[in-house]
Structure formats: C-alpha cells, structure tokens
Amino acid sequence: MTHDHGSHEHHDHGSHEHHGHGSHEHGAHGGHSHTAVDAPAEELAECPVMPGSMVVKAEAEASGLVREYEGKTYYLCCDACGPMFDADPKKYAVA
C-alpha cells in the first residue's frame, strides 16, 4: 500500500490575521485621563500631587484617596498619589 501524504503540505498560515492590534485602545485607561471634568465645579478638586488632574470629590472619598492635613482636605487623583502625599504632605499642601 502506498499513501500519498503530499497533499497535507498546503497549510497557508499566512492567511491568519493575528496582528490587528488597532482594535485595542491602550490609552483608554492609562495615565491620568479622568472623565470627571464634566462634573459641577464644587464637586471637583485638583490633585495636589499631580497639578492639572481634576478629581471628583465623591470618587476620591469612595476610593480612600482623601487626606487631611493641617485642617484642610486634599483629594488625590489616583492610588499612586496617596503614598507620595503621605511621605511629604508639606510639599503638596497648598498654603
């Protein structure tokens, strides 16, 4: 008996498109892009550690990103800012 295995050599792996990374939005949740800017001004605070990052006070409270220092309340924009503020609150406290 002779078996012809030659017909199994036509696997075109080039037709599989696994390289379409365009559908992934890597910047959507990275960095400090906050969608909080459309909240009323009295509900917003500026992060003292990262000036320019606006924080929704209620979200900061819910996330435990609120600090009290010398009688003033500070709202932090992300988990990374908490330890930085804690390490040197005088540096970030606004006079």
PDB file of N, CA and C in Angstrom:
ATOM      1  N   MET A   1       0.824  -1.194   0.000  1.00  0.00           N
ATOM      2  CA  MET A   1       0.000   0.000   0.000  1.00  0.00           C
ATOM      3  C   MET A   1       0.863   1.251   0.000  1.00  0.00           C
ATOM      4  N   THR A   2       0.501   2.183  -0.799  1.00  0.00           N
ATOM      5  CA  THR A   2       1.225   3.448  -0.812  1.00  0.00           C
ATOM      6  C   THR A   2       0.253   4.559  -0.432  1.00  0.00           C
ATOM      7  N   HIS A   3       0.681   5.393   0.489  1.00  0.00           N
ATOM      8  CA  HIS A   3      -0.156   6.528   0.925  1.00  0.00           C
ATOM      9  C   HIS A   3       0.469   7.825   0.441  1.00  0.00           C
ATOM     10  N   ASP A   4      -0.325   8.641  -0.142  1.00  0.00           N
ATOM     11  CA  ASP A   4       0.192   9.905  -0.652  1.00  0.00           C
ATOM     12  C   ASP A   4      -0.030  10.997   0.399  1.00  0.00           C
ATOM     13  N   HIS A   5       1.026  11.358   1.129  1.00  0.00           N
ATOM     14  CA  HIS A   5       0.930  12.387   2.158  1.00  0.00           C
ATOM     15  C   HIS A   5       1.272  13.767   1.620  1.00  0.00           C
ATOM     16  N   GLY A   6       1.557  13.850   0.372  1.00  0.00           N
ATOM     17  CA  GLY A   6       1.952  15.128  -0.217  1.00  0.00           C
ATOM     18  C   GLY A   6       0.848  16.173  -0.173  1.00  0.00           C
ATOM     19  N   SER A   7      -0.403  15.765  -0.125  1.00  0.00           N
ATOM     20  CA  SER A   7      -1.500  16.725  -0.158  1.00  0.00           C
ATOM     21  C   SER A   7      -1.665  17.473   1.160  1.00  0.00           C
ATOM     22  N   HIS A   8      -0.971  17.069   2.211  1.00  0.00           N
ATOM     23  CA  HIS A   8      -1.115  17.719   3.517  1.00  0.00           C
ATOM     24  C   HIS A   8      -0.134  18.875   3.707  1.00  0.00           C
ATOM     25  N   GLU A   9       0.590  19.221   2.687  1.00  0.00           N
ATOM     26  CA  GLU A   9       1.609  20.249   2.841  1.00  0.00           C
ATOM     27  C   GLU A   9       1.107  21.637   2.460  1.00  0.00           C
ATOM     28  N   HIS A  10      -0.168  21.796   2.284  1.00  0.00           N
ATOM     29  CA  HIS A  10      -0.681  23.083   1.840  1.00  0.00           C
ATOM     30  C   HIS A  10      -1.419  23.807   2.972  1.00  0.00           C
ATOM     31  N   HIS A  11      -0.713  24.074   4.042  1.00  0.00           N
ATOM     32  CA  HIS A  11      -1.299  24.846   5.156  1.00  0.00           C
ATOM     33  C   HIS A  11      -0.816  26.284   5.030  1.00  0.00           C
ATOM     34  N   ASP A  12      -1.713  27.136   4.694  1.00  0.00           N
ATOM     35  CA  ASP A  12      -1.331  28.533   4.492  1.00  0.00           C
ATOM     36  C   ASP A  12      -1.530  29.289   5.801  1.00  0.00           C
ATOM     37  N   HIS A  13      -0.468  29.356   6.601  1.00  0.00           N
ATOM     38  CA  HIS A  13      -0.572  30.048   7.883  1.00  0.00           C
ATOM     39  C   HIS A  13      -0.516  31.563   7.722  1.00  0.00           C
ATOM     40  N   GLY A  14      -0.177  32.024   6.568  1.00  0.00           N
ATOM     41  CA  GLY A  14      -0.101  33.464   6.353  1.00  0.00           C
ATOM     42  C   GLY A  14      -1.465  34.127   6.279  1.00  0.00           C
ATOM     43  N   SER A  15      -2.513  33.334   6.127  1.00  0.00           N
ATOM     44  CA  SER A  15      -3.839  33.932   5.985  1.00  0.00           C
ATOM     45  C   SER A  15      -4.462  34.279   7.332  1.00  0.00           C
ATOM     46  N   HIS A  16      -3.880  33.824   8.418  1.00  0.00           N
ATOM     47  CA  HIS A  16      -4.427  34.143   9.741  1.00  0.00           C
ATOM     48  C   HIS A  16      -3.951  35.534  10.146  1.00  0.00           C
ATOM     49  N   GLU A  17      -4.883  36.414  10.441  1.00  0.00           N
ATOM     50  CA  GLU A  17      -4.500  37.770  10.792  1.00  0.00           C
ATOM     51  C   GLU A  17      -4.585  37.964  12.286  1.00  0.00           C
ATOM     52  N   HIS A  18      -3.488  37.701  12.960  1.00  0.00           N
ATOM     53  CA  HIS A  18      -3.441  37.871  14.408  1.00  0.00           C
ATOM     54  C   HIS A  18      -2.733  39.168  14.791  1.00  0.00           C
ATOM     55  N   HIS A  19      -2.426  39.982  13.810  1.00  0.00           N
ATOM     56  CA  HIS A  19      -1.622  41.163  14.098  1.00  0.00           C
ATOM     57  C   HIS A  19      -2.435  42.444  14.057  1.00  0.00           C
ATOM     58  N   GLY A  20      -3.737  42.364  14.141  1.00  0.00           N
ATOM     59  CA  GLY A  20      -4.557  43.568  14.102  1.00  0.00           C
ATOM     60  C   GLY A  20      -4.708  44.169  15.487  1.00  0.00           C
ATOM     61  N   HIS A  21      -3.686  44.891  15.928  1.00  0.00           N
ATOM     62  CA  HIS A  21      -3.730  45.494  17.263  1.00  0.00           C
ATOM     63  C   HIS A  21      -4.470  46.831  17.265  1.00  0.00           C
ATOM     64  N   GLY A  22      -4.958  47.245  16.144  1.00  0.00           N
ATOM     65  CA  GLY A  22      -5.628  48.539  16.071  1.00  0.00           C
ATOM     66  C   GLY A  22      -6.912  48.591  16.870  1.00  0.00           C
ATOM     67  N   SER A  23      -7.502  47.440  17.157  1.00  0.00           N
ATOM     68  CA  SER A  23      -8.766  47.446  17.875  1.00  0.00           C
ATOM     69  C   SER A  23      -8.590  47.627  19.378  1.00  0.00           C
ATOM     70  N   HIS A  24      -7.364  47.485  19.861  1.00  0.00           N
ATOM     71  CA  HIS A  24      -7.120  47.665  21.292  1.00  0.00           C
ATOM     72  C   HIS A  24      -6.816  49.123  21.580  1.00  0.00           C
ATOM     73  N   GLU A  25      -7.518  49.707  22.537  1.00  0.00           N
ATOM     74  CA  GLU A  25      -7.260  51.093  22.893  1.00  0.00           C
ATOM     75  C   GLU A  25      -6.440  51.112  24.163  1.00  0.00           C
ATOM     76  N   HIS A  26      -5.126  51.105  23.993  1.00  0.00           N
ATOM     77  CA  HIS A  26      -4.254  51.022  25.153  1.00  0.00           C
ATOM     78  C   HIS A  26      -4.255  52.315  25.961  1.00  0.00           C
ATOM     79  N   GLY A  27      -4.588  53.418  25.347  1.00  0.00           N
ATOM     80  CA  GLY A  27      -4.556  54.686  26.065  1.00  0.00           C
ATOM     81  C   GLY A  27      -5.867  55.006  26.764  1.00  0.00           C
ATOM     82  N   ALA A  28      -6.850  54.152  26.639  1.00  0.00           N
ATOM     83  CA  ALA A  28      -8.171  54.479  27.169  1.00  0.00           C
ATOM     84  C   ALA A  28      -8.187  54.587  28.686  1.00  0.00           C
ATOM     85  N   HIS A  29      -7.399  53.759  29.366  1.00  0.00           N
ATOM     86  CA  HIS A  29      -7.436  53.798  30.821  1.00  0.00           C
ATOM     87  C   HIS A  29      -6.066  54.041  31.430  1.00  0.00           C
ATOM     88  N   GLY A  30      -5.096  54.361  30.629  1.00  0.00           N
ATOM     89  CA  GLY A  30      -3.755  54.568  31.143  1.00  0.00           C
ATOM     90  C   GLY A  30      -3.547  55.997  31.612  1.00  0.00           C
ATOM     91  N   GLY A  31      -2.541  56.209  32.426  1.00  0.00           N
ATOM     92  CA  GLY A  31      -2.196  57.548  32.865  1.00  0.00           C
ATOM     93  C   GLY A  31      -3.261  58.160  33.751  1.00  0.00           C
ATOM     94  N   HIS A  32      -3.432  59.453  33.608  1.00  0.00           N
ATOM     95  CA  HIS A  32      -4.384  60.163  34.457  1.00  0.00           C
ATOM     96  C   HIS A  32      -5.474  60.802  33.624  1.00  0.00           C
ATOM     97  N   SER A  33      -6.085  60.032  32.752  1.00  0.00           N
ATOM     98  CA  SER A  33      -7.179  60.552  31.956  1.00  0.00           C
ATOM     99  C   SER A  33      -8.472  60.349  32.731  1.00  0.00           C
ATOM    100  N   HIS A  34      -8.942  61.431  33.317  1.00  0.00           N
ATOM    101  CA  HIS A  34     -10.148  61.339  34.133  1.00  0.00           C
ATOM    102  C   HIS A  34     -11.323  61.915  33.358  1.00  0.00           C
ATOM    103  N   THR A  35     -12.450  61.239  33.434  1.00  0.00           N
ATOM    104  CA  THR A  35     -13.643  61.718  32.751  1.00  0.00           C
ATOM    105  C   THR A  35     -14.456  62.605  33.685  1.00  0.00           C
ATOM    106  N   ALA A  36     -13.803  63.133  34.703  1.00  0.00           N
ATOM    107  CA  ALA A  36     -14.506  63.844  35.759  1.00  0.00           C
ATOM    108  C   ALA A  36     -14.747  65.310  35.437  1.00  0.00           C
ATOM    109  N   VAL A  37     -14.209  65.788  34.344  1.00  0.00           N
ATOM    110  CA  VAL A  37     -14.194  67.219  34.098  1.00  0.00           C
ATOM    111  C   VAL A  37     -15.584  67.793  33.839  1.00  0.00           C
ATOM    112  N   ASP A  38     -16.548  66.940  33.504  1.00  0.00           N
ATOM    113  CA  ASP A  38     -17.883  67.457  33.232  1.00  0.00           C
ATOM    114  C   ASP A  38     -18.745  67.545  34.497  1.00  0.00           C
ATOM    115  N   ALA A  39     -18.179  67.266  35.660  1.00  0.00           N
ATOM    116  CA  ALA A  39     -18.918  67.389  36.915  1.00  0.00           C
ATOM    117  C   ALA A  39     -18.959  68.866  37.325  1.00  0.00           C
ATOM    118  N   PRO A  40     -19.939  69.245  38.149  1.00  0.00           N
ATOM    119  CA  PRO A  40     -20.005  70.635  38.631  1.00  0.00           C
ATOM    120  C   PRO A  40     -18.726  71.014  39.377  1.00  0.00           C
ATOM    121  N   ALA A  41     -18.322  72.266  39.277  1.00  0.00           N
ATOM    122  CA  ALA A  41     -17.039  72.717  39.822  1.00  0.00           C
ATOM    123  C   ALA A  41     -16.917  72.458  41.321  1.00  0.00           C
ATOM    124  N   GLU A  42     -18.005  72.614  42.066  1.00  0.00           N
ATOM    125  CA  GLU A  42     -17.918  72.422  43.517  1.00  0.00           C
ATOM    126  C   GLU A  42     -17.697  70.966  43.909  1.00  0.00           C
ATOM    127  N   GLU A  43     -17.907  70.061  42.964  1.00  0.00           N
ATOM    128  CA  GLU A  43     -17.667  68.642  43.234  1.00  0.00           C
ATOM    129  C   GLU A  43     -16.274  68.209  42.793  1.00  0.00           C
ATOM    130  N   LEU A  44     -15.501  69.144  42.240  1.00  0.00           N
ATOM    131  CA  LEU A  44     -14.171  68.830  41.742  1.00  0.00           C
ATOM    132  C   LEU A  44     -13.097  69.421  42.643  1.00  0.00           C
ATOM    133  N   ALA A  45     -11.973  68.753  42.675  1.00  0.00           N
ATOM    134  CA  ALA A  45     -10.799  69.278  43.358  1.00  0.00           C
ATOM    135  C   ALA A  45      -9.590  68.935  42.503  1.00  0.00           C
ATOM    136  N   GLU A  46      -8.536  69.734  42.645  1.00  0.00           N
ATOM    137  CA  GLU A  46      -7.320  69.456  41.901  1.00  0.00           C
ATOM    138  C   GLU A  46      -6.389  68.634  42.772  1.00  0.00           C
ATOM    139  N   CYS A  47      -5.835  67.577  42.190  1.00  0.00           N
ATOM    140  CA  CYS A  47      -4.908  66.733  42.925  1.00  0.00           C
ATOM    141  C   CYS A  47      -3.655  67.546  43.255  1.00  0.00           C
ATOM    142  N   PRO A  48      -3.257  67.613  44.537  1.00  0.00           N
ATOM    143  CA  PRO A  48      -2.068  68.396  44.884  1.00  0.00           C
ATOM    144  C   PRO A  48      -0.773  67.752  44.398  1.00  0.00           C
ATOM    145  N   VAL A  49      -0.788  66.442  44.191  1.00  0.00           N
ATOM    146  CA  VAL A  49       0.426  65.746  43.775  1.00  0.00           C
ATOM    147  C   VAL A  49       0.638  65.890  42.268  1.00  0.00           C
ATOM    148  N   MET A  50      -0.453  65.843  41.521  1.00  0.00           N
ATOM    149  CA  MET A  50      -0.369  65.992  40.066  1.00  0.00           C
ATOM    150  C   MET A  50      -1.221  67.173  39.633  1.00  0.00           C
ATOM    151  N   PRO A  51      -0.692  68.377  39.743  1.00  0.00           N
ATOM    152  CA  PRO A  51      -1.478  69.566  39.361  1.00  0.00           C
ATOM    153  C   PRO A  51      -1.997  69.438  37.932  1.00  0.00           C
ATOM    154  N   GLY A  52      -3.232  69.804  37.755  1.00  0.00           N
ATOM    155  CA  GLY A  52      -3.868  69.675  36.455  1.00  0.00           C
ATOM    156  C   GLY A  52      -4.796  68.477  36.390  1.00  0.00           C
ATOM    157  N   SER A  53      -4.625  67.515  37.322  1.00  0.00           N
ATOM    158  CA  SER A  53      -5.522  66.358  37.373  1.00  0.00           C
ATOM    159  C   SER A  53      -6.702  66.698  38.270  1.00  0.00           C
ATOM    160  N   MET A  54      -7.864  66.763  37.666  1.00  0.00           N
ATOM    161  CA  MET A  54      -9.060  67.087  38.423  1.00  0.00           C
ATOM    162  C   MET A  54      -9.673  65.815  38.995  1.00  0.00           C
ATOM    163  N   VAL A  55     -10.157  65.932  40.204  1.00  0.00           N
ATOM    164  CA  VAL A  55     -10.679  64.785  40.933  1.00  0.00           C
ATOM    165  C   VAL A  55     -12.133  65.053  41.307  1.00  0.00           C
ATOM    166  N   VAL A  56     -13.003  64.062  41.122  1.00  0.00           N
ATOM    167  CA  VAL A  56     -14.363  64.164  41.635  1.00  0.00           C
ATOM    168  C   VAL A  56     -14.294  63.785  43.107  1.00  0.00           C
ATOM    169  N   LYS A  57     -14.684  64.705  43.981  1.00  0.00           N
ATOM    170  CA  LYS A  57     -14.524  64.501  45.425  1.00  0.00           C
ATOM    171  C   LYS A  57     -15.194  63.218  45.900  1.00  0.00           C
ATOM    172  N   ALA A  58     -16.392  62.944  45.404  1.00  0.00           N
ATOM    173  CA  ALA A  58     -17.114  61.739  45.830  1.00  0.00           C
ATOM    174  C   ALA A  58     -16.367  60.470  45.431  1.00  0.00           C
ATOM    175  N   GLU A  59     -15.752  60.483  44.257  1.00  0.00           N
ATOM    176  CA  GLU A  59     -14.999  59.305  43.801  1.00  0.00           C
ATOM    177  C   GLU A  59     -13.738  59.117  44.636  1.00  0.00           C
ATOM    178  N   ALA A  60     -13.079  60.226  44.974  1.00  0.00           N
ATOM    179  CA  ALA A  60     -11.877  60.147  45.807  1.00  0.00           C
ATOM    180  C   ALA A  60     -12.236  59.598  47.188  1.00  0.00           C
ATOM    181  N   GLU A  61     -13.362  60.063  47.739  1.00  0.00           N
ATOM    182  CA  GLU A  61     -13.790  59.566  49.048  1.00  0.00           C
ATOM    183  C   GLU A  61     -14.101  58.081  48.988  1.00  0.00           C
ATOM    184  N   ALA A  62     -14.776  57.656  47.931  1.00  0.00           N
ATOM    185  CA  ALA A  62     -15.140  56.249  47.786  1.00  0.00           C
ATOM    186  C   ALA A  62     -13.903  55.370  47.622  1.00  0.00           C
ATOM    187  N   SER A  63     -12.836  55.924  47.043  1.00  0.00           N
ATOM    188  CA  SER A  63     -11.613  55.159  46.794  1.00  0.00           C
ATOM    189  C   SER A  63     -10.594  55.298  47.918  1.00  0.00           C
ATOM    190  N   GLY A  64     -10.916  56.077  48.946  1.00  0.00           N
ATOM    191  CA  GLY A  64      -9.973  56.286  50.035  1.00  0.00           C
ATOM    192  C   GLY A  64      -8.818  57.188  49.645  1.00  0.00           C
ATOM    193  N   LEU A  65      -9.036  58.072  48.687  1.00  0.00           N
ATOM    194  CA  LEU A  65      -7.976  58.956  48.206  1.00  0.00           C
ATOM    195  C   LEU A  65      -8.157  60.378  48.725  1.00  0.00           C
ATOM    196  N   VAL A  66      -8.506  60.479  50.006  1.00  0.00           N
ATOM    197  CA  VAL A  66      -8.700  61.773  50.640  1.00  0.00           C
ATOM    198  C   VAL A  66      -7.710  61.872  51.795  1.00  0.00           C
ATOM    199  N   ARG A  67      -7.068  63.015  51.941  1.00  0.00           N
ATOM    200  CA  ARG A  67      -6.117  63.232  53.041  1.00  0.00           C
ATOM    201  C   ARG A  67      -6.479  64.518  53.769  1.00  0.00           C
ATOM    202  N   GLU A  68      -6.326  64.484  55.089  1.00  0.00           N
ATOM    203  CA  GLU A  68      -6.496  65.678  55.912  1.00  0.00           C
ATOM    204  C   GLU A  68      -5.099  66.126  56.330  1.00  0.00           C
ATOM    205  N   TYR A  69      -4.826  67.413  56.184  1.00  0.00           N
ATOM    206  CA  TYR A  69      -3.540  67.934  56.611  1.00  0.00           C
ATOM    207  C   TYR A  69      -3.725  69.370  57.056  1.00  0.00           C
ATOM    208  N   GLU A  70      -3.351  69.640  58.320  1.00  0.00           N
ATOM    209  CA  GLU A  70      -3.474  70.975  58.904  1.00  0.00           C
ATOM    210  C   GLU A  70      -4.863  71.566  58.687  1.00  0.00           C
ATOM    211  N   GLY A  71      -5.873  70.732  58.904  1.00  0.00           N
ATOM    212  CA  GLY A  71      -7.253  71.206  58.844  1.00  0.00           C
ATOM    213  C   GLY A  71      -7.824  71.357  57.446  1.00  0.00           C
ATOM    214  N   LYS A  72      -7.055  71.032  56.439  1.00  0.00           N
ATOM    215  CA  LYS A  72      -7.545  71.136  55.060  1.00  0.00           C
ATOM    216  C   LYS A  72      -7.672  69.743  54.460  1.00  0.00           C
ATOM    217  N   THR A  73      -8.667  69.568  53.599  1.00  0.00           N
ATOM    218  CA  THR A  73      -8.892  68.281  52.949  1.00  0.00           C
ATOM    219  C   THR A  73      -8.288  68.304  51.554  1.00  0.00           C
ATOM    220  N   TYR A  74      -7.558  67.254  51.247  1.00  0.00           N
ATOM    221  CA  TYR A  74      -6.936  67.123  49.930  1.00  0.00           C
ATOM    222  C   TYR A  74      -7.482  65.878  49.243  1.00  0.00           C
ATOM    223  N   TYR A  75      -7.818  66.028  47.964  1.00  0.00           N
ATOM    224  CA  TYR A  75      -8.361  64.924  47.169  1.00  0.00           C
ATOM    225  C   TYR A  75      -7.309  64.505  46.150  1.00  0.00           C
ATOM    226  N   LEU A  76      -6.991  63.215  46.139  1.00  0.00           N
ATOM    227  CA  LEU A  76      -5.942  62.708  45.260  1.00  0.00           C
ATOM    228  C   LEU A  76      -6.549  62.004  44.053  1.00  0.00           C
ATOM    229  N   CYS A  77      -5.843  62.067  42.909  1.00  0.00           N
ATOM    230  CA  CYS A  77      -6.428  61.573  41.661  1.00  0.00           C
ATOM    231  C   CYS A  77      -6.255  60.073  41.464  1.00  0.00           C
ATOM    232  N   CYS A  78      -5.271  59.441  42.131  1.00  0.00           N
ATOM    233  CA  CYS A  78      -5.059  58.021  41.900  1.00  0.00           C
ATOM    234  C   CYS A  78      -4.295  57.388  43.053  1.00  0.00           C
ATOM    235  N   ASP A  79      -4.226  56.068  43.048  1.00  0.00           N
ATOM    236  CA  ASP A  79      -3.559  55.324  44.124  1.00  0.00           C
ATOM    237  C   ASP A  79      -2.090  55.690  44.257  1.00  0.00           C
ATOM    238  N   ALA A  80      -1.457  56.064  43.185  1.00  0.00           N
ATOM    239  CA  ALA A  80      -0.026  56.386  43.239  1.00  0.00           C
ATOM    240  C   ALA A  80       0.227  57.677  44.012  1.00  0.00           C
ATOM    241  N   CYS A  81      -0.749  58.573  44.005  1.00  0.00           N
ATOM    242  CA  CYS A  81      -0.552  59.870  44.663  1.00  0.00           C
ATOM    243  C   CYS A  81      -0.668  59.765  46.187  1.00  0.00           C
ATOM    244  N   GLY A  82      -1.396  58.783  46.691  1.00  0.00           N
ATOM    245  CA  GLY A  82      -1.570  58.643  48.138  1.00  0.00           C
ATOM    246  C   GLY A  82      -0.255  58.525  48.886  1.00  0.00           C
ATOM    247  N   PRO A  83       0.578  57.543  48.557  1.00  0.00           N
ATOM    248  CA  PRO A  83       1.853  57.394  49.262  1.00  0.00           C
ATOM    249  C   PRO A  83       2.775  58.600  49.078  1.00  0.00           C
ATOM    250  N   MET A  84       2.701  59.236  47.927  1.00  0.00           N
ATOM    251  CA  MET A  84       3.556  60.405  47.689  1.00  0.00           C
ATOM    252  C   MET A  84       3.132  61.549  48.603  1.00  0.00           C
ATOM    253  N   PHE A  85       1.820  61.752  48.716  1.00  0.00           N
ATOM    254  CA  PHE A  85       1.328  62.810  49.603  1.00  0.00           C
ATOM    255  C   PHE A  85       1.663  62.476  51.051  1.00  0.00           C
ATOM    256  N   ASP A  86       1.454  61.217  51.439  1.00  0.00           N
ATOM    257  CA  ASP A  86       1.718  60.794  52.812  1.00  0.00           C
ATOM    258  C   ASP A  86       3.189  60.974  53.187  1.00  0.00           C
ATOM    259  N   ALA A  87       4.084  60.749  52.232  1.00  0.00           N
ATOM    260  CA  ALA A  87       5.510  60.842  52.509  1.00  0.00           C
ATOM    261  C   ALA A  87       5.957  62.271  52.788  1.00  0.00           C
ATOM    262  N   ASP A  88       5.305  63.238  52.158  1.00  0.00           N
ATOM    263  CA  ASP A  88       5.730  64.632  52.326  1.00  0.00           C
ATOM    264  C   ASP A  88       4.546  65.572  52.134  1.00  0.00           C
ATOM    265  N   PRO A  89       3.598  65.557  53.072  1.00  0.00           N
ATOM    266  CA  PRO A  89       2.395  66.385  52.884  1.00  0.00           C
ATOM    267  C   PRO A  89       2.693  67.880  52.785  1.00  0.00           C
ATOM    268  N   LYS A  90       3.740  68.349  53.470  1.00  0.00           N
ATOM    269  CA  LYS A  90       4.072  69.775  53.411  1.00  0.00           C
ATOM    270  C   LYS A  90       4.416  70.196  51.982  1.00  0.00           C
ATOM    271  N   LYS A  91       5.043  69.300  51.251  1.00  0.00           N
ATOM    272  CA  LYS A  91       5.443  69.594  49.873  1.00  0.00           C
ATOM    273  C   LYS A  91       4.225  69.859  48.997  1.00  0.00           C
ATOM    274  N   TYR A  92       3.138  69.106  49.253  1.00  0.00           N
ATOM    275  CA  TYR A  92       1.970  69.178  48.374  1.00  0.00           C
ATOM    276  C   TYR A  92       0.850  70.048  48.929  1.00  0.00           C
ATOM    277  N   ALA A  93       0.914  70.379  50.219  1.00  0.00           N
ATOM    278  CA  ALA A  93      -0.143  71.186  50.817  1.00  0.00           C
ATOM    279  C   ALA A  93      -0.131  72.592  50.210  1.00  0.00           C
ATOM    280  N   VAL A  94      -1.304  73.079  49.917  1.00  0.00           N
ATOM    281  CA  VAL A  94      -1.421  74.410  49.329  1.00  0.00           C
ATOM    282  C   VAL A  94      -1.622  75.404  50.460  1.00  0.00           C
ATOM    283  N   ALA A  95      -0.830  76.457  50.467  1.00  0.00           N
ATOM    284  CA  ALA A  95      -0.927  77.454  51.534  1.00  0.00           C
ATOM    285  C   ALA A  95      -2.220  78.241  51.421  1.00  0.00           C
TER     286      ALA A  95
END
